[in-house]
Protein backbone atom coordinates (compact mmCIF):
# COMPACT_ATOMS: atom_id res chain seq x y z
CA MET A 1 181.53 -20.75 82.12
CA MET A 2 178.70 -20.05 79.83
CA ASN A 3 176.28 -21.59 82.19
CA ASN A 4 177.74 -19.31 85.15
CA ARG A 5 177.21 -16.14 83.11
CA SER A 6 173.46 -17.16 82.17
CA THR A 7 172.74 -17.90 85.86
CA TRP A 8 174.30 -14.56 86.91
CA MET A 9 172.21 -12.69 84.21
CA ASN A 10 168.92 -14.50 85.31
CA LEU A 11 169.67 -13.73 88.92
CA LYS A 12 170.42 -10.01 88.09
CA SER A 13 167.24 -10.00 86.27
CA ILE A 14 165.24 -11.35 89.07
CA ILE A 15 166.77 -8.82 91.42
CA ILE A 16 165.87 -6.04 89.28
CA PHE A 17 162.44 -7.38 88.88
CA ILE A 18 161.94 -7.50 92.64
CA VAL A 19 163.27 -4.16 93.20
CA LEU A 20 160.97 -2.74 90.64
CA LEU A 21 158.06 -4.47 92.09
CA ALA A 22 158.84 -3.39 95.73
CA ILE A 23 159.13 0.49 94.29
CA LEU A 24 155.69 -0.10 92.52
CA ALA A 25 154.24 -1.53 95.74
CA ILE A 26 155.54 1.37 97.85
CA THR A 27 154.43 4.06 95.41
CA THR A 28 150.87 2.56 95.38
CA PHE A 29 150.80 2.44 99.13
CA ILE A 30 151.72 6.05 99.31
CA LEU A 31 149.23 7.07 96.75
CA ILE A 32 146.30 5.22 98.51
CA VAL A 33 147.37 6.92 101.87
CA PHE A 34 147.48 10.31 100.32
CA VAL A 35 144.03 9.89 98.57
CA TYR A 36 142.48 8.57 101.75
CA PHE A 37 143.82 11.53 103.89
CA ASP A 38 143.01 14.06 101.15
CA HIS A 39 139.45 12.74 100.98
CA SER A 40 138.94 12.31 104.81
CA ARG A 41 139.76 16.13 105.51
CA ILE A 42 136.10 16.82 105.81
CA ASP A 43 134.26 14.33 107.85
CA ASN A 44 130.66 13.80 106.84
CA LYS A 45 131.11 15.52 103.62
CA ASP A 46 127.75 14.44 102.09
CA GLU A 47 126.01 15.62 105.24
CA VAL A 48 127.69 18.96 105.10
CA ILE A 49 126.79 19.42 101.47
CA GLU A 50 123.08 18.47 102.19
CA PHE A 51 123.00 20.86 105.23
CA VAL A 52 124.26 23.84 103.00
CA LYS A 53 121.94 23.01 100.20
CA LYS A 54 118.92 22.92 102.62
CA SER A 55 120.12 26.05 104.44
CA SER A 56 121.16 28.41 101.64
CA GLU A 57 120.79 29.54 97.97
CA ILE A 58 123.40 27.02 96.96
CA LYS A 59 121.73 24.17 95.07
CA GLN A 60 124.77 22.73 93.31
CA VAL A 61 128.09 22.16 94.96
CA THR A 62 131.24 22.84 92.71
CA ASP A 63 133.87 22.35 95.32
CA VAL A 64 134.49 21.50 98.98
CA ASP A 65 137.60 22.67 100.93
CA TYR A 66 138.47 23.19 104.66
CA PHE A 67 140.26 25.88 106.61
CA ALA A 68 141.85 25.11 110.06
CA ASP A 69 142.91 27.65 112.59
CA GLU A 70 141.63 27.58 116.30
CA GLU A 71 138.56 26.30 114.86
CA THR A 72 138.18 24.16 111.63
CA TYR A 73 135.65 25.34 108.87
CA ASP A 74 134.23 23.53 105.87
CA ILE A 75 134.17 25.76 102.83
CA ILE A 76 131.64 24.99 100.10
CA TYR A 77 131.83 26.57 96.68
CA GLY A 78 128.53 26.34 94.71
CA LYS A 79 125.85 28.07 92.69
CA ASP A 80 122.08 28.59 92.73
CA GLU A 81 119.56 27.44 90.10
CA ASN A 82 120.54 30.66 88.00
CA ASP A 83 124.14 29.83 88.14
CA LYS A 84 125.03 32.57 90.51
CA LYS A 85 128.05 31.74 92.54
CA TYR A 86 128.19 31.52 96.31
CA PHE A 87 130.62 30.56 99.08
CA ALA A 88 129.59 28.97 102.20
CA ILE A 89 131.66 28.89 105.39
CA ASN A 90 130.50 26.52 108.01
CA PRO A 91 132.30 25.64 111.27
CA THR A 92 133.03 21.90 111.16
CA ASP A 93 130.24 19.87 112.56
CA ASN A 94 127.75 22.79 112.75
CA ARG A 95 124.30 22.06 111.72
CA ASP A 96 122.85 25.55 112.96
CA LYS A 97 121.66 27.70 110.16
CA GLU A 98 122.46 30.89 112.33
CA LYS A 99 126.29 30.05 112.30
CA LEU A 100 126.33 29.30 108.54
CA ILE A 101 127.97 32.22 106.44
CA ILE A 102 126.96 32.50 102.78
CA LEU A 103 128.66 34.95 100.52
CA LYS A 104 127.70 35.99 96.99
CA LYS A 105 130.64 35.81 94.85
CA ASP A 106 129.56 39.01 93.04
CA ASP A 107 129.68 40.91 96.45
CA VAL A 108 133.21 40.28 97.34
CA LEU A 109 136.58 40.56 95.65
CA SER A 110 137.27 37.44 93.72
CA LYS A 111 140.18 35.13 94.09
CA GLU A 112 141.45 36.32 90.72
CA ASN A 113 141.30 39.91 91.73
CA ILE A 114 143.13 39.44 94.84
CA GLU A 115 145.77 37.04 93.14
CA GLN A 116 146.38 39.95 90.36
CA LYS A 117 146.79 42.70 92.90
CA TRP A 118 149.13 40.52 95.08
CA GLN A 119 151.08 39.63 91.85
CA SER A 120 151.49 43.33 90.96
CA ASP A 121 152.81 44.07 94.45
CA CYS A 122 155.03 41.07 94.75
CA LYS A 123 156.59 40.68 91.38
CA GLU A 124 159.29 38.09 92.15
CA CYS A 125 156.95 35.79 94.40
CA THR A 126 155.80 32.40 93.71
CA LEU A 127 152.20 31.43 94.72
CA LYS A 128 151.80 28.08 96.33
CA LYS A 129 148.08 28.09 97.16
CA SER A 130 145.21 30.43 97.76
CA GLY A 131 141.64 29.88 99.20
CA LEU A 132 139.14 31.17 101.59
CA ALA A 133 139.85 31.44 105.24
CA MET A 134 138.49 32.38 108.59
CA LEU A 135 140.08 34.51 111.17
CA ASP A 136 138.53 36.22 114.09
CA ASP A 137 135.13 35.71 112.61
CA GLU A 138 136.31 37.38 109.32
CA VAL A 139 136.00 35.76 106.04
CA LEU A 140 139.33 36.38 104.07
CA TRP A 141 141.48 35.34 101.13
CA GLU A 142 144.67 33.38 102.19
CA LEU A 143 147.51 33.32 99.91
CA THR A 144 150.64 31.23 100.62
CA TYR A 145 153.80 31.94 98.60
CA LEU A 146 157.46 32.32 98.42
CA ASP A 147 159.05 35.86 98.08
CA LYS A 148 162.23 36.27 96.26
CA GLU A 149 164.45 35.49 99.33
CA GLU A 150 162.50 32.07 99.35
CA ASN A 151 160.89 33.06 102.66
CA TYR A 152 157.41 31.20 103.16
CA ILE A 153 154.52 33.76 103.70
CA ILE A 154 150.87 33.41 104.52
CA GLU A 155 148.99 36.53 103.94
CA TYR A 156 145.29 37.11 104.60
CA PHE A 157 143.53 39.77 102.44
CA SER A 158 140.07 41.38 102.94
CA LEU A 159 137.35 40.42 100.79
CA GLU A 160 135.92 43.89 100.67
CA ASP A 161 139.07 45.99 99.58
CA GLY A 162 141.93 43.62 99.10
CA SER A 163 143.90 45.17 102.03
CA THR A 164 146.29 43.06 104.05
CA TYR A 165 144.48 41.69 107.10
CA GLU A 166 147.26 39.65 108.48
CA GLU A 167 150.74 38.38 107.44
CA PHE A 168 152.76 35.48 108.70
CA ARG A 169 156.47 35.40 107.62
CA LEU A 170 158.75 32.55 108.14
CA ASN A 171 162.28 33.50 107.47
CA ASN A 172 165.04 31.32 106.10
CA LYS A 173 167.85 30.90 108.71
CA TYR A 174 170.45 29.82 106.26
């Protein structure tokens, strides 16, 4: 009887160990896939960075992002040798300096200003993400958020005056 109980405890321990090992393996796999896709959003990232450095005032890149609409854009955040901050918006796979858009951060409303104005207008909203966007050849700030009714909203704001350029509202059906 004691031997039976001991065998059952050993078997139970082995099953728990196998289940935990499987959970660990699945979690590791998911993380590896996520990191791969997150880093592969911009093809030829190093080449894009070199192109922007060579074609603009940006000499040090601080962040790289992308925006996808009808066309996709690489968005490079950086600064010059005097620590002045810039944004570069480049159509994906473009290596023509004429199509590269460079904005000096001091010449446009900052992300923080846009978010503060938005927060004062939408008090019960929850910001999900924000960043630069490109619609109809216009560089804009994109804010994605949930309103108080839990509707998902993507709103685009002018960099010049913070006015709403366009808004997409996904309403909850239930």
